[in-house]
C-alpha atoms as a PDB file:
ATOM      1  CA  MET A   1     -52.667  27.385  40.600  1.00  0.00           C
ATOM      2  CA  LYS A   2     -52.591  23.887  39.110  1.00  0.00           C
ATOM      3  CA  ARG A   3     -52.037  25.338  35.661  1.00  0.00           C
ATOM      4  CA  MET A   4     -49.018  27.366  36.709  1.00  0.00           C
ATOM      5  CA  LYS A   5     -47.682  24.452  38.698  1.00  0.00           C
ATOM      6  CA  HIS A   6     -48.092  22.307  35.693  1.00  0.00           C
ATOM      7  CA  VAL A   7     -46.094  25.137  33.401  1.00  0.00           C
ATOM      8  CA  THR A   8     -43.362  25.317  35.889  1.00  0.00           C
ATOM      9  CA  ILE A   9     -42.968  21.419  36.064  1.00  0.00           C
ATOM     10  CA  LEU A  10     -42.880  21.561  32.293  1.00  0.00           C
ATOM     11  CA  ARG A  11     -40.095  24.288  32.170  1.00  0.00           C
ATOM     12  CA  ASP A  12     -38.207  22.375  34.807  1.00  0.00           C
ATOM     13  CA  MET A  13     -38.456  19.264  32.666  1.00  0.00           C
ATOM     14  CA  LYS A  14     -37.156  20.996  29.586  1.00  0.00           C
ATOM     15  CA  ARG A  15     -34.195  22.513  31.503  1.00  0.00           C
ATOM     16  CA  ILE A  16     -33.240  19.077  32.894  1.00  0.00           C
ATOM     17  CA  LEU A  17     -33.304  17.696  29.454  1.00  0.00           C
ATOM     18  CA  TYR A  18     -31.405  20.383  27.815  1.00  0.00           C
ATOM     19  CA  MET A  19     -28.556  20.068  30.414  1.00  0.00           C
ATOM     20  CA  SER A  20     -28.541  16.426  30.011  1.00  0.00           C
ATOM     21  CA  PHE A  21     -28.070  16.784  26.129  1.00  0.00           C
ATOM     22  CA  ILE A  22     -25.224  19.314  26.769  1.00  0.00           C
ATOM     23  CA  VAL A  23     -23.582  16.851  29.249  1.00  0.00           C
ATOM     24  CA  LEU A  24     -23.858  14.067  26.750  1.00  0.00           C
ATOM     25  CA  ILE A  25     -22.325  16.161  24.227  1.00  0.00           C
ATOM     26  CA  VAL A  26     -19.487  17.228  26.533  1.00  0.00           C
ATOM     27  CA  VAL A  27     -18.932  13.687  27.489  1.00  0.00           C
ATOM     28  CA  GLY A  28     -19.033  12.302  24.164  1.00  0.00           C
ATOM     29  CA  CYS A  29     -16.417  14.759  22.916  1.00  0.00           C
ATOM     30  CA  THR A  30     -14.192  13.862  25.938  1.00  0.00           C
ATOM     31  CA  ASP A  31     -14.407  10.392  25.520  1.00  0.00           C
ATOM     32  CA  SER A  32     -13.692  10.228  21.608  1.00  0.00           C
ATOM     33  CA  LYS A  33     -10.075   9.626  21.136  1.00  0.00           C
ATOM     34  CA  PRO A  34      -8.363  10.263  18.020  1.00  0.00           C
ATOM     35  CA  ASP A  35      -6.999   6.973  16.133  1.00  0.00           C
ATOM     36  CA  THR A  36      -3.556   5.741  16.958  1.00  0.00           C
ATOM     37  CA  ILE A  37      -1.778   5.810  13.595  1.00  0.00           C
ATOM     38  CA  SER A  38       1.691   4.419  13.061  1.00  0.00           C
ATOM     39  CA  ASN A  39       3.764   6.093  10.029  1.00  0.00           C
ATOM     40  CA  ALA A  40       5.436   3.657   7.934  1.00  0.00           C
ATOM     41  CA  ILE A  41       6.988   3.219   4.263  1.00  0.00           C
ATOM     42  CA  TYR A  42       7.981   0.561   1.863  1.00  0.00           C
ATOM     43  CA  VAL A  43      11.418   0.108   0.496  1.00  0.00           C
ATOM     44  CA  TRP A  44      11.123  -1.911  -2.744  1.00  0.00           C
ATOM     45  CA  ASN A  45      14.188  -0.703  -4.831  1.00  0.00           C
ATOM     46  CA  GLU A  46      17.841  -1.705  -5.121  1.00  0.00           C
ATOM     47  CA  ARG A  47      19.906  -1.237  -1.748  1.00  0.00           C
ATOM     48  CA  SER A  48      23.299  -1.744  -0.365  1.00  0.00           C
ATOM     49  CA  SER A  49      23.451  -3.564   3.082  1.00  0.00           C
ATOM     50  CA  TYR A  50      26.406  -1.214   3.844  1.00  0.00           C
ATOM     51  CA  ASN A  51      24.626   2.121   3.158  1.00  0.00           C
ATOM     52  CA  TYR A  52      20.843   1.071   2.944  1.00  0.00           C
ATOM     53  CA  PHE A  53      19.685   4.619   3.551  1.00  0.00           C
ATOM     54  CA  SER A  54      21.020   7.931   2.516  1.00  0.00           C
ATOM     55  CA  THR A  55      21.552  10.922   4.474  1.00  0.00           C
ATOM     56  CA  GLU A  56      18.509  12.444   2.895  1.00  0.00           C
ATOM     57  CA  GLU A  57      16.358   9.430   3.315  1.00  0.00           C
ATOM     58  CA  LEU A  58      17.206   9.069   7.000  1.00  0.00           C
ATOM     59  CA  SER A  59      16.269  12.713   7.493  1.00  0.00           C
ATOM     60  CA  PHE A  60      12.964  12.129   5.804  1.00  0.00           C
ATOM     61  CA  LEU A  61      12.494   9.140   7.998  1.00  0.00           C
ATOM     62  CA  LYS A  62      13.132  11.111  11.163  1.00  0.00           C
ATOM     63  CA  GLU A  63      11.177  14.263  10.159  1.00  0.00           C
ATOM     64  CA  ASN A  64       8.087  12.101   9.406  1.00  0.00           C
ATOM     65  CA  ASN A  65       8.428   9.971  12.397  1.00  0.00           C
ATOM     66  CA  ILE A  66       8.483   6.845  10.572  1.00  0.00           C
ATOM     67  CA  LYS A  67       9.169   3.897  12.888  1.00  0.00           C
ATOM     68  CA  GLN A  68       8.198   1.003  10.508  1.00  0.00           C
ATOM     69  CA  ILE A  69       9.971  -0.081   7.330  1.00  0.00           C
ATOM     70  CA  TYR A  70       8.464  -2.698   4.826  1.00  0.00           C
ATOM     71  CA  CYS A  71      11.457  -3.917   3.075  1.00  0.00           C
ATOM     72  CA  LYS A  72      11.386  -6.171   0.073  1.00  0.00           C
ATOM     73  CA  LEU A  73      13.142  -9.451   0.546  1.00  0.00           C
ATOM     74  CA  THR A  74      12.258 -11.167  -2.865  1.00  0.00           C
ATOM     75  CA  ASP A  75       9.762 -12.065  -5.552  1.00  0.00           C
ATOM     76  CA  VAL A  76       8.739 -15.649  -6.052  1.00  0.00           C
ATOM     77  CA  SER A  77       8.191 -16.522  -9.750  1.00  0.00           C
ATOM     78  CA  TRP A  78       7.188 -19.514 -11.695  1.00  0.00           C
ATOM     79  CA  ASP A  79       8.513 -21.313 -14.671  1.00  0.00           C
ATOM     80  CA  GLU A  80       8.080 -24.804 -15.945  1.00  0.00           C
ATOM     81  CA  VAL A  81      11.652 -25.761 -15.386  1.00  0.00           C
ATOM     82  CA  ASN A  82      12.194 -24.408 -11.901  1.00  0.00           C
ATOM     83  CA  HIS A  83       8.763 -24.098 -10.693  1.00  0.00           C
ATOM     84  CA  ALA A  84       8.647 -21.603  -7.729  1.00  0.00           C
ATOM     85  CA  TYR A  85      11.824 -20.058  -7.498  1.00  0.00           C
ATOM     86  CA  PRO A  86      13.216 -16.535  -5.927  1.00  0.00           C
ATOM     87  CA  ASN A  87      13.609 -13.740  -8.200  1.00  0.00           C
ATOM     88  CA  ASP A  88      14.878 -10.297  -7.629  1.00  0.00           C
ATOM     89  CA  THR A  89      16.161 -10.929  -4.061  1.00  0.00           C
ATOM     90  CA  LYS A  90      17.010  -7.726  -2.273  1.00  0.00           C
ATOM     91  CA  GLU A  91      19.388  -6.748   0.712  1.00  0.00           C
ATOM     92  CA  LEU A  92      17.613  -6.062   4.020  1.00  0.00           C
ATOM     93  CA  PRO A  93      18.961  -3.338   6.374  1.00  0.00           C
ATOM     94  CA  GLY A  94      22.281  -4.801   8.229  1.00  0.00           C
ATOM     95  CA  ASP A  95      22.880  -2.015  10.541  1.00  0.00           C
ATOM     96  CA  ASP A  96      22.098  -3.097  14.209  1.00  0.00           C
ATOM     97  CA  VAL A  97      21.934   0.753  14.890  1.00  0.00           C
ATOM     98  CA  LEU A  98      19.249   1.093  12.503  1.00  0.00           C
ATOM     99  CA  LYS A  99      17.392  -1.710  13.580  1.00  0.00           C
ATOM    100  CA  THR A 100      17.377  -0.358  17.324  1.00  0.00           C
ATOM    101  CA  PHE A 101      15.016   2.505  16.129  1.00  0.00           C
ATOM    102  CA  LEU A 102      13.399   1.231  12.956  1.00  0.00           C
ATOM    103  CA  THR A 103      11.068  -1.871  13.002  1.00  0.00           C
ATOM    104  CA  ILE A 104      12.028  -3.542   9.893  1.00  0.00           C
ATOM    105  CA  ILE A 105       9.093  -5.956   8.325  1.00  0.00           C
ATOM    106  CA  PRO A 106      10.511  -8.432   5.548  1.00  0.00           C
ATOM    107  CA  CYS A 107       8.082  -8.764   2.530  1.00  0.00           C
ATOM    108  CA  VAL A 108       8.117 -11.351  -0.175  1.00  0.00           C
ATOM    109  CA  PHE A 109       5.947 -10.955  -3.448  1.00  0.00           C
ATOM    110  CA  ILE A 110       4.443 -13.973  -4.871  1.00  0.00           C
ATOM    111  CA  GLU A 111       3.147 -14.342  -8.259  1.00  0.00           C
ATOM    112  CA  ASN A 112      -0.489 -15.962  -8.699  1.00  0.00           C
ATOM    113  CA  SER A 113       0.817 -18.379 -10.873  1.00  0.00           C
ATOM    114  CA  VAL A 114       2.955 -19.794  -8.165  1.00  0.00           C
ATOM    115  CA  MET A 115      -0.091 -20.529  -6.191  1.00  0.00           C
ATOM    116  CA  LEU A 116      -2.121 -21.794  -9.256  1.00  0.00           C
ATOM    117  CA  LYS A 117       0.595 -24.304 -10.198  1.00  0.00           C
ATOM    118  CA  SER A 118       2.407 -25.518  -7.297  1.00  0.00           C
ATOM    119  CA  THR A 119       1.730 -28.746  -5.420  1.00  0.00           C
ATOM    120  CA  LYS A 120       1.176 -28.628  -1.438  1.00  0.00           C
ATOM    121  CA  PRO A 121       4.502 -30.439  -0.805  1.00  0.00           C
ATOM    122  CA  GLU A 122       6.049 -27.581  -3.108  1.00  0.00           C
ATOM    123  CA  LEU A 123       4.112 -24.709  -0.907  1.00  0.00           C
ATOM    124  CA  GLU A 124       5.042 -26.553   2.068  1.00  0.00           C
ATOM    125  CA  TYR A 125       8.703 -26.398   1.127  1.00  0.00           C
ATOM    126  CA  MET A 126       8.620 -22.569   0.263  1.00  0.00           C
ATOM    127  CA  ALA A 127       6.897 -21.852   3.505  1.00  0.00           C
ATOM    128  CA  LYS A 128       9.892 -23.345   5.206  1.00  0.00           C
ATOM    129  CA  LYS A 129      12.530 -21.571   2.959  1.00  0.00           C
ATOM    130  CA  ILE A 130      10.662 -18.247   3.550  1.00  0.00           C
ATOM    131  CA  ALA A 131      10.587 -18.497   7.382  1.00  0.00           C
ATOM    132  CA  SER A 132      14.057 -19.473   7.444  1.00  0.00           C
ATOM    133  CA  ARG A 133      15.185 -16.417   5.633  1.00  0.00           C
ATOM    134  CA  VAL A 134      12.953 -14.396   7.772  1.00  0.00           C
ATOM    135  CA  LYS A 135      14.335 -15.870  11.007  1.00  0.00           C
ATOM    136  CA  LYS A 136      17.792 -15.793   9.863  1.00  0.00           C
ATOM    137  CA  TYR A 137      17.750 -12.219   9.364  1.00  0.00           C
ATOM    138  CA  ASP A 138      17.059 -10.897  12.786  1.00  0.00           C
ATOM    139  CA  SER A 139      16.146 -13.060  15.686  1.00  0.00           C
ATOM    140  CA  LYS A 140      14.161  -9.904  17.067  1.00  0.00           C
ATOM    141  CA  THR A 141      11.985  -9.938  13.748  1.00  0.00           C
ATOM    142  CA  LYS A 142       8.363  -9.444  15.019  1.00  0.00           C
ATOM    143  CA  SER A 143       6.432  -9.315  11.708  1.00  0.00           C
ATOM    144  CA  CYS A 144       6.476 -10.307   7.973  1.00  0.00           C
ATOM    145  CA  GLN A 145       4.460  -9.736   5.112  1.00  0.00           C
ATOM    146  CA  ILE A 146       3.241 -11.740   2.066  1.00  0.00           C
ATOM    147  CA  ASP A 147       2.083  -9.964  -0.970  1.00  0.00           C
ATOM    148  CA  CYS A 148       0.071 -11.812  -3.589  1.00  0.00           C
ATOM    149  CA  ASP A 149      -2.806 -10.871  -5.650  1.00  0.00           C
ATOM    150  CA  TRP A 150      -4.590 -14.137  -5.143  1.00  0.00           C
ATOM    151  CA  SER A 151      -8.119 -14.726  -6.951  1.00  0.00           C
ATOM    152  CA  ALA A 152     -11.003 -16.989  -6.252  1.00  0.00           C
ATOM    153  CA  THR A 153      -9.225 -19.975  -8.162  1.00  0.00           C
ATOM    154  CA  SER A 154      -5.943 -19.674  -6.268  1.00  0.00           C
ATOM    155  CA  LYS A 155      -7.265 -18.825  -2.953  1.00  0.00           C
ATOM    156  CA  ASP A 156      -7.240 -22.539  -1.257  1.00  0.00           C
ATOM    157  CA  GLN A 157      -3.771 -23.141  -2.472  1.00  0.00           C
ATOM    158  CA  TYR A 158      -2.609 -19.828  -1.213  1.00  0.00           C
ATOM    159  CA  PHE A 159      -4.481 -19.894   2.469  1.00  0.00           C
ATOM    160  CA  TYR A 160      -2.810 -23.570   2.586  1.00  0.00           C
ATOM    161  CA  PHE A 161       0.697 -21.853   2.086  1.00  0.00           C
ATOM    162  CA  LEU A 162      -0.014 -18.974   4.439  1.00  0.00           C
ATOM    163  CA  THR A 163      -0.998 -21.708   7.156  1.00  0.00           C
ATOM    164  CA  GLN A 164       2.118 -23.429   6.559  1.00  0.00           C
ATOM    165  CA  LEU A 165       4.224 -20.543   6.944  1.00  0.00           C
ATOM    166  CA  LYS A 166       2.359 -19.062  10.053  1.00  0.00           C
ATOM    167  CA  LYS A 167       3.393 -22.577  11.586  1.00  0.00           C
ATOM    168  CA  GLN A 168       7.061 -21.956  10.616  1.00  0.00           C
ATOM    169  CA  LEU A 169       7.350 -18.294  11.742  1.00  0.00           C
ATOM    170  CA  ASP A 170       6.545 -19.428  15.418  1.00  0.00           C
ATOM    171  CA  SER A 171       6.191 -16.186  17.164  1.00  0.00           C
ATOM    172  CA  ILE A 172       6.324 -13.808  14.408  1.00  0.00           C
ATOM    173  CA  SER A 173       3.198 -12.165  13.101  1.00  0.00           C
ATOM    174  CA  LEU A 174       1.956 -12.693   9.711  1.00  0.00           C
ATOM    175  CA  THR A 175       0.234  -9.952   7.535  1.00  0.00           C
ATOM    176  CA  ALA A 176      -0.860 -10.279   4.111  1.00  0.00           C
ATOM    177  CA  THR A 177      -1.685  -7.417   1.380  1.00  0.00           C
ATOM    178  CA  LEU A 178      -5.311  -6.964   0.359  1.00  0.00           C
ATOM    179  CA  ARG A 179      -6.611  -5.620  -2.870  1.00  0.00           C
ATOM    180  CA  LEU A 180      -9.812  -3.854  -2.937  1.00  0.00           C
ATOM    181  CA  TYR A 181     -11.775  -6.373  -4.889  1.00  0.00           C
ATOM    182  CA  GLN A 182     -10.581  -9.003  -2.205  1.00  0.00           C
ATOM    183  CA  TYR A 183     -11.676  -6.646   0.238  1.00  0.00           C
ATOM    184  CA  LYS A 184     -15.353  -6.308  -1.251  1.00  0.00           C
ATOM    185  CA  TYR A 185     -15.829  -9.698  -2.199  1.00  0.00           C
ATOM    186  CA  PRO A 186     -14.721 -12.099   0.666  1.00  0.00           C
ATOM    187  CA  GLU A 187     -17.339 -14.535  -0.031  1.00  0.00           C
ATOM    188  CA  LYS A 188     -15.655 -15.116  -3.358  1.00  0.00           C
ATOM    189  CA  THR A 189     -11.827 -14.705  -2.478  1.00  0.00           C
ATOM    190  CA  GLY A 190     -12.021 -15.700   1.206  1.00  0.00           C
ATOM    191  CA  VAL A 191     -10.108 -13.966   4.263  1.00  0.00           C
ATOM    192  CA  PRO A 192      -6.557 -15.088   4.389  1.00  0.00           C
ATOM    193  CA  PRO A 193      -5.531 -16.976   7.617  1.00  0.00           C
ATOM    194  CA  VAL A 194      -3.143 -14.096   8.809  1.00  0.00           C
ATOM    195  CA  ASP A 195      -2.930 -11.613  11.695  1.00  0.00           C
ATOM    196  CA  ARG A 196      -3.630  -8.374   9.657  1.00  0.00           C
ATOM    197  CA  ALA A 197      -4.109  -7.363   6.143  1.00  0.00           C
ATOM    198  CA  MET A 198      -2.644  -4.244   4.457  1.00  0.00           C
ATOM    199  CA  LEU A 199      -5.445  -2.661   2.276  1.00  0.00           C
ATOM    200  CA  MET A 200      -3.862  -1.357  -0.963  1.00  0.00           C
ATOM    201  CA  LEU A 201      -5.461   1.803  -1.785  1.00  0.00           C
ATOM    202  CA  TYR A 202      -3.860   2.006  -5.199  1.00  0.00           C
ATOM    203  CA  ASN A 203      -3.791   0.237  -8.656  1.00  0.00           C
ATOM    204  CA  PHE A 204      -7.436  -0.154  -8.834  1.00  0.00           C
ATOM    205  CA  ASN A 205      -7.052  -0.535 -12.675  1.00  0.00           C
ATOM    206  CA  SER A 206      -4.554  -2.370 -14.530  1.00  0.00           C
ATOM    207  CA  PRO A 207      -2.186   0.001 -16.569  1.00  0.00           C
ATOM    208  CA  VAL A 208      -2.187  -2.783 -19.334  1.00  0.00           C
ATOM    209  CA  VAL A 209      -5.411  -1.302 -20.491  1.00  0.00           C
ATOM    210  CA  TYR A 210      -5.347   2.247 -21.784  1.00  0.00           C
ATOM    211  CA  ARG A 211      -7.654   4.621 -20.280  1.00  0.00           C
ATOM    212  CA  ALA A 212      -7.745   8.405 -19.741  1.00  0.00           C
ATOM    213  CA  GLU A 213      -8.097   7.848 -15.763  1.00  0.00           C
ATOM    214  CA  ASN A 214      -4.721   7.539 -13.413  1.00  0.00           C
ATOM    215  CA  SER A 215      -4.371   3.822 -13.071  1.00  0.00           C
ATOM    216  CA  ILE A 216      -2.267   4.339  -9.845  1.00  0.00           C
ATOM    217  CA  PHE A 217      -5.195   6.156  -8.001  1.00  0.00           C
ATOM    218  CA  ASP A 218      -8.844   7.053  -8.988  1.00  0.00           C
ATOM    219  CA  GLU A 219     -11.073   8.286  -5.757  1.00  0.00           C
ATOM    220  CA  GLY A 220     -14.096   7.601  -7.834  1.00  0.00           C
ATOM    221  CA  GLU A 221     -13.266   3.829  -8.531  1.00  0.00           C
ATOM    222  CA  ALA A 222     -11.963   3.243  -4.979  1.00  0.00           C
ATOM    223  CA  ARG A 223     -15.302   4.481  -3.497  1.00  0.00           C
ATOM    224  CA  LYS A 224     -17.251   1.708  -5.663  1.00  0.00           C
ATOM    225  CA  TYR A 225     -15.702  -0.749  -3.121  1.00  0.00           C
ATOM    226  CA  ILE A 226     -16.997   0.694   0.089  1.00  0.00           C
ATOM    227  CA  THR A 227     -19.269  -1.388   1.879  1.00  0.00           C
ATOM    228  CA  ASP A 228     -21.147  -1.307   5.289  1.00  0.00           C
ATOM    229  CA  ALA A 229     -19.754  -4.817   6.235  1.00  0.00           C
ATOM    230  CA  LYS A 230     -16.494  -4.672   8.322  1.00  0.00           C
ATOM    231  CA  TYR A 231     -13.582  -6.757   7.037  1.00  0.00           C
ATOM    232  CA  ALA A 232     -12.934 -10.022   9.250  1.00  0.00           C
ATOM    233  CA  LEU A 233      -9.256  -8.872   9.907  1.00  0.00           C
ATOM    234  CA  PRO A 234      -7.836  -5.658  11.462  1.00  0.00           C
ATOM    235  CA  LEU A 235      -6.679  -3.563   8.678  1.00  0.00           C
ATOM    236  CA  ASP A 236      -3.610  -1.374   7.828  1.00  0.00           C
ATOM    237  CA  PHE A 237      -3.476   0.896   4.801  1.00  0.00           C
ATOM    238  CA  ALA A 238      -0.886   1.547   1.956  1.00  0.00           C
ATOM    239  CA  LEU A 239      -0.956   4.571   0.003  1.00  0.00           C
ATOM    240  CA  PRO A 240       0.621   5.370  -3.606  1.00  0.00           C
ATOM    241  CA  ALA A 241       3.545   7.521  -3.591  1.00  0.00           C
ATOM    242  CA  PHE A 242       5.168   6.503  -6.873  1.00  0.00           C
ATOM    243  CA  SER A 243       5.033   7.212 -10.512  1.00  0.00           C
ATOM    244  CA  TRP A 244       5.515   5.083 -13.621  1.00  0.00           C
ATOM    245  CA  ASN A 245       5.705   5.695 -17.393  1.00  0.00           C
ATOM    246  CA  VAL A 246       3.577   3.420 -19.417  1.00  0.00           C
ATOM    247  CA  VAL A 247       4.272   2.650 -23.024  1.00  0.00           C
ATOM    248  CA  TYR A 248       1.316   1.921 -25.435  1.00  0.00           C
ATOM    249  CA  ASN A 249       1.457   0.929 -29.532  1.00  0.00           C
ATOM    250  CA  GLU A 250      -0.435   3.006 -31.918  1.00  0.00           C
ATOM    251  CA  GLU A 251      -3.517   0.844 -31.187  1.00  0.00           C
ATOM    252  CA  ASN A 252      -3.251   1.850 -27.496  1.00  0.00           C
ATOM    253  CA  LYS A 253      -2.086  -1.939 -26.611  1.00  0.00           C
ATOM    254  CA  PHE A 254       0.349  -2.373 -23.456  1.00  0.00           C
ATOM    255  CA  VAL A 255       4.050  -2.310 -24.541  1.00  0.00           C
ATOM    256  CA  GLY A 256       5.644  -2.143 -20.991  1.00  0.00           C
ATOM    257  CA  PHE A 257       7.417   0.617 -18.514  1.00  0.00           C
ATOM    258  CA  LEU A 258      10.023   2.940 -19.222  1.00  0.00           C
ATOM    259  CA  LYS A 259      12.560   4.567 -16.378  1.00  0.00           C
ATOM    260  CA  THR A 260      12.424   8.401 -16.121  1.00  0.00           C
ATOM    261  CA  GLU A 261      15.930   8.966 -16.724  1.00  0.00           C
ATOM    262  CA  GLU A 262      15.701   6.999 -20.250  1.00  0.00           C
ATOM    263  CA  LEU A 263      12.704   8.924 -21.073  1.00  0.00           C
ATOM    264  CA  ASN A 264      14.445  12.261 -20.168  1.00  0.00           C
ATOM    265  CA  GLU A 265      17.068  11.596 -22.762  1.00  0.00           C
ATOM    266  CA  LYS A 266      14.465  11.400 -25.663  1.00  0.00           C
ATOM    267  CA  THR A 267      12.410  14.411 -25.143  1.00  0.00           C
ATOM    268  CA  THR A 268      13.083  15.706 -28.763  1.00  0.00           C
ATOM    269  CA  TYR A 269      11.104  12.589 -29.888  1.00  0.00           C
ATOM    270  CA  LEU A 270       7.872  13.473 -28.014  1.00  0.00           C
ATOM    271  CA  LYS A 271       4.986  15.552 -28.640  1.00  0.00           C
ATOM    272  CA  SER A 272       2.361  16.332 -25.819  1.00  0.00           C
ATOM    273  CA  VAL A 273      -1.289  15.189 -26.457  1.00  0.00           C
ATOM    274  CA  SER A 274      -2.813  15.789 -23.096  1.00  0.00           C
ATOM    275  CA  ASP A 275      -1.555  16.808 -19.691  1.00  0.00           C
ATOM    276  CA  ASN A 276       0.066  13.176 -18.981  1.00  0.00           C
ATOM    277  CA  THR A 277       0.516  11.793 -22.561  1.00  0.00           C
ATOM    278  CA  TYR A 278       3.260  12.001 -25.167  1.00  0.00           C
ATOM    279  CA  GLU A 279       3.339  10.758 -28.494  1.00  0.00           C
ATOM    280  CA  ILE A 280       6.256   9.284 -30.419  1.00  0.00           C
ATOM    281  CA  ILE A 281       6.850  11.563 -33.374  1.00  0.00           C
ATOM    282  CA  ALA A 282       9.724   9.524 -35.118  1.00  0.00           C
ATOM    283  CA  ASP A 283      10.924   5.900 -34.631  1.00  0.00           C
ATOM    284  CA  THR A 284      13.505   5.758 -31.737  1.00  0.00           C
ATOM    285  CA  SER A 285      14.919   3.130 -29.180  1.00  0.00           C
ATOM    286  CA  ILE A 286      14.445   3.572 -25.666  1.00  0.00           C
ATOM    287  CA  ASP A 287      16.132   0.757 -23.715  1.00  0.00           C
ATOM    288  CA  PRO A 288      14.780  -1.688 -23.865  1.00  0.00           C
ATOM    289  CA  TYR A 289      12.119  -1.092 -26.503  1.00  0.00           C
ATOM    290  CA  TYR A 290      12.228  -0.091 -30.098  1.00  0.00           C
ATOM    291  CA  LEU A 291       9.357   2.706 -30.287  1.00  0.00           C
ATOM    292  CA  ARG A 292       7.779   3.422 -33.610  1.00  0.00           C
ATOM    293  CA  LYS A 293       6.107   6.753 -34.579  1.00  0.00           C
ATOM    294  CA  GLY A 294       2.697   6.855 -32.965  1.00  0.00           C
ATOM    295  CA  TYR A 295       3.225   4.879 -29.970  1.00  0.00           C
ATOM    296  CA  LYS A 296       2.151   6.731 -26.474  1.00  0.00           C
ATOM    297  CA  ILE A 297       3.930   7.289 -23.527  1.00  0.00           C
ATOM    298  CA  LYS A 298       1.646   7.962 -20.382  1.00  0.00           C
ATOM    299  CA  ILE A 299       3.192   9.557 -17.401  1.00  0.00           C
ATOM    300  CA  GLU A 300       0.990   8.562 -14.174  1.00  0.00           C
ATOM    301  CA  THR A 301       1.977   9.813 -11.010  1.00  0.00           C
ATOM    302  CA  ILE A 302       0.463  11.031  -7.570  1.00  0.00           C
ATOM    303  CA  ASN A 303       0.754  14.528  -6.183  1.00  0.00           C
ATOM    304  CA  GLN A 304      -0.037  15.492  -2.627  1.00  0.00           C
ATOM    305  CA  GLU A 305      -3.460  16.231  -3.186  1.00  0.00           C
ATOM    306  CA  GLY A 306      -4.154  12.763  -4.482  1.00  0.00           C
ATOM    307  CA  LEU A 307      -2.313  11.284  -1.417  1.00  0.00           C
ATOM    308  CA  LYS A 308      -4.721  13.455   0.626  1.00  0.00           C
ATOM    309  CA  ASP A 309      -7.801  12.050  -1.215  1.00  0.00           C
ATOM    310  CA  ALA A 310      -6.479   8.631  -0.602  1.00  0.00           C
ATOM    311  CA  TYR A 311      -5.829   9.274   2.924  1.00  0.00           C
ATOM    312  CA  GLY A 312      -9.268  10.518   3.126  1.00  0.00           C
ATOM    313  CA  LEU A 313     -10.585   7.194   2.069  1.00  0.00           C
ATOM    314  CA  ILE A 314      -9.341   5.309   5.113  1.00  0.00           C
ATOM    315  CA  LYS A 315     -12.353   6.250   7.602  1.00  0.00           C
ATOM    316  CA  SER A 316     -14.813   4.620   5.099  1.00  0.00           C
ATOM    317  CA  PHE A 317     -12.682   1.289   5.244  1.00  0.00           C
ATOM    318  CA  LYS A 318     -11.170   1.243   8.886  1.00  0.00           C
ATOM    319  CA  ASN A 319     -12.294  -1.271  11.450  1.00  0.00           C
ATOM    320  CA  THR A 320      -9.947  -0.417  14.111  1.00  0.00           C
ATOM    321  CA  ASP A 321      -8.572   2.737  15.764  1.00  0.00           C
ATOM    322  CA  SER A 322      -5.035   1.476  15.693  1.00  0.00           C
ATOM    323  CA  TYR A 323      -3.710   1.044  12.350  1.00  0.00           C
ATOM    324  CA  THR A 324      -0.502   1.793  10.163  1.00  0.00           C
ATOM    325  CA  VAL A 325      -0.272   3.921   7.360  1.00  0.00           C
ATOM    326  CA  ALA A 326       2.339   3.177   4.878  1.00  0.00           C
ATOM    327  CA  LEU A 327       3.443   4.936   1.705  1.00  0.00           C
ATOM    328  CA  PHE A 328       4.725   2.884  -1.419  1.00  0.00           C
ATOM    329  CA  ASP A 329       7.483   3.668  -1.756  1.00  0.00           C
ATOM    330  CA  LEU A 330      10.706   5.265  -0.573  1.00  0.00           C
ATOM    331  CA  ASN A 331      12.107   6.861  -4.044  1.00  0.00           C
ATOM    332  CA  ALA A 332      14.039   9.885  -5.158  1.00  0.00           C
ATOM    333  CA  LYS A 333      10.849  11.833  -6.497  1.00  0.00           C
ATOM    334  CA  LEU A 334       9.319  11.415  -3.090  1.00  0.00           C
ATOM    335  CA  LEU A 335      12.259  13.228  -1.634  1.00  0.00           C
ATOM    336  CA  ASN A 336      12.805  15.733  -4.300  1.00  0.00           C
ATOM    337  CA  THR A 337       9.096  16.792  -4.820  1.00  0.00           C
ATOM    338  CA  GLN A 338       6.909  15.857  -1.786  1.00  0.00           C
ATOM    339  CA  THR A 339       9.065  15.967   1.177  1.00  0.00           C
ATOM    340  CA  LYS A 340       7.608  19.320   2.643  1.00  0.00           C
ATOM    341  CA  GLU A 341       4.303  21.553   1.799  1.00  0.00           C
ATOM    342  CA  ASN A 342       4.147  24.726   3.733  1.00  0.00           C
ATOM    343  CA  ASN A 343       7.178  23.937   5.408  1.00  0.00           C
ATOM    344  CA  GLN A 344       5.463  20.928   7.069  1.00  0.00           C
ATOM    345  CA  PRO A 345       6.919  17.300   6.706  1.00  0.00           C
ATOM    346  CA  LEU A 346       5.186  15.247   4.354  1.00  0.00           C
ATOM    347  CA  TYR A 347       3.028  13.091   6.977  1.00  0.00           C
ATOM    348  CA  GLU A 348       1.850  16.219   8.681  1.00  0.00           C
ATOM    349  CA  SER A 349       0.705  17.660   5.551  1.00  0.00           C
ATOM    350  CA  ILE A 350      -1.121  14.576   4.247  1.00  0.00           C
ATOM    351  CA  PHE A 351      -2.478  12.671   7.347  1.00  0.00           C
ATOM    352  CA  ILE A 352      -5.053  14.381   9.282  1.00  0.00           C
ATOM    353  CA  LYS A 353      -4.200  13.933  12.968  1.00  0.00           C
END
């Protein structure tokens, strides 16, 4: 009798444990919420303030529910005469109607040499000038971004500049771009004094060095930077949606970049040597370069599968459930060849919701 009672108790305990396990699974599934993702895109090429977006681009933005636009304001370069100076300044959207449904984030690219060579008074002056330009653009601007590939050697100067800029921006939030090596080695490169960081999931290898792999995006290379530690700033993510044509000489040394339209005019001078590499078969001139026989042109691009792979990496780097995913950048090829797949908007076909 006691044995039967003991067996019954064990059976009841197993049933209770089983039901508790089921409840935990159900509650866990119910409580787990999908990440909150904001769709965004960079605009880096030449624009007119009177016709900033074409009809096709506006349709693309609407189809893909893009609400944030990271717009290039200017580059900051360095020379021995002018020291730090604005270069390649762009127009920002001037249409008030556009700004009612798009959040415009002015971006400034700063060469690392500016940080290495500028004095603190020069950095303070530069911070004031940039803050003035950002605030003058629109009194409702909420955020701006600084893009600088700083190093362990320049971090103190760069972080001093960011601190000064943040003081000048008042209530405008400040974000900074982050390369993978800066992400993996914060003890060497430091953590910038900003509100958020935009982790760039592309350009892991420099195109200056010739290699068979795609220098824009290489998933295997990116995975080398995954760590167990969470980055000290909340992260957003930039994915590659661009291409370039890289020229190397007969010794595989970097020469420069060619525009696609200029390359298309010289196809008779090219011989395919691999899926994405062509060899110059006769001396020719392609503005601004004189290309000799034996030079190579490597055409690097990212297709939708590559974008999906890049997007799939986010889960290994993210440290918050609310973040922005931005494509770099809005260009003709993106519109012509990547706008839809299986009759779905690009962002739907790539981003796992």
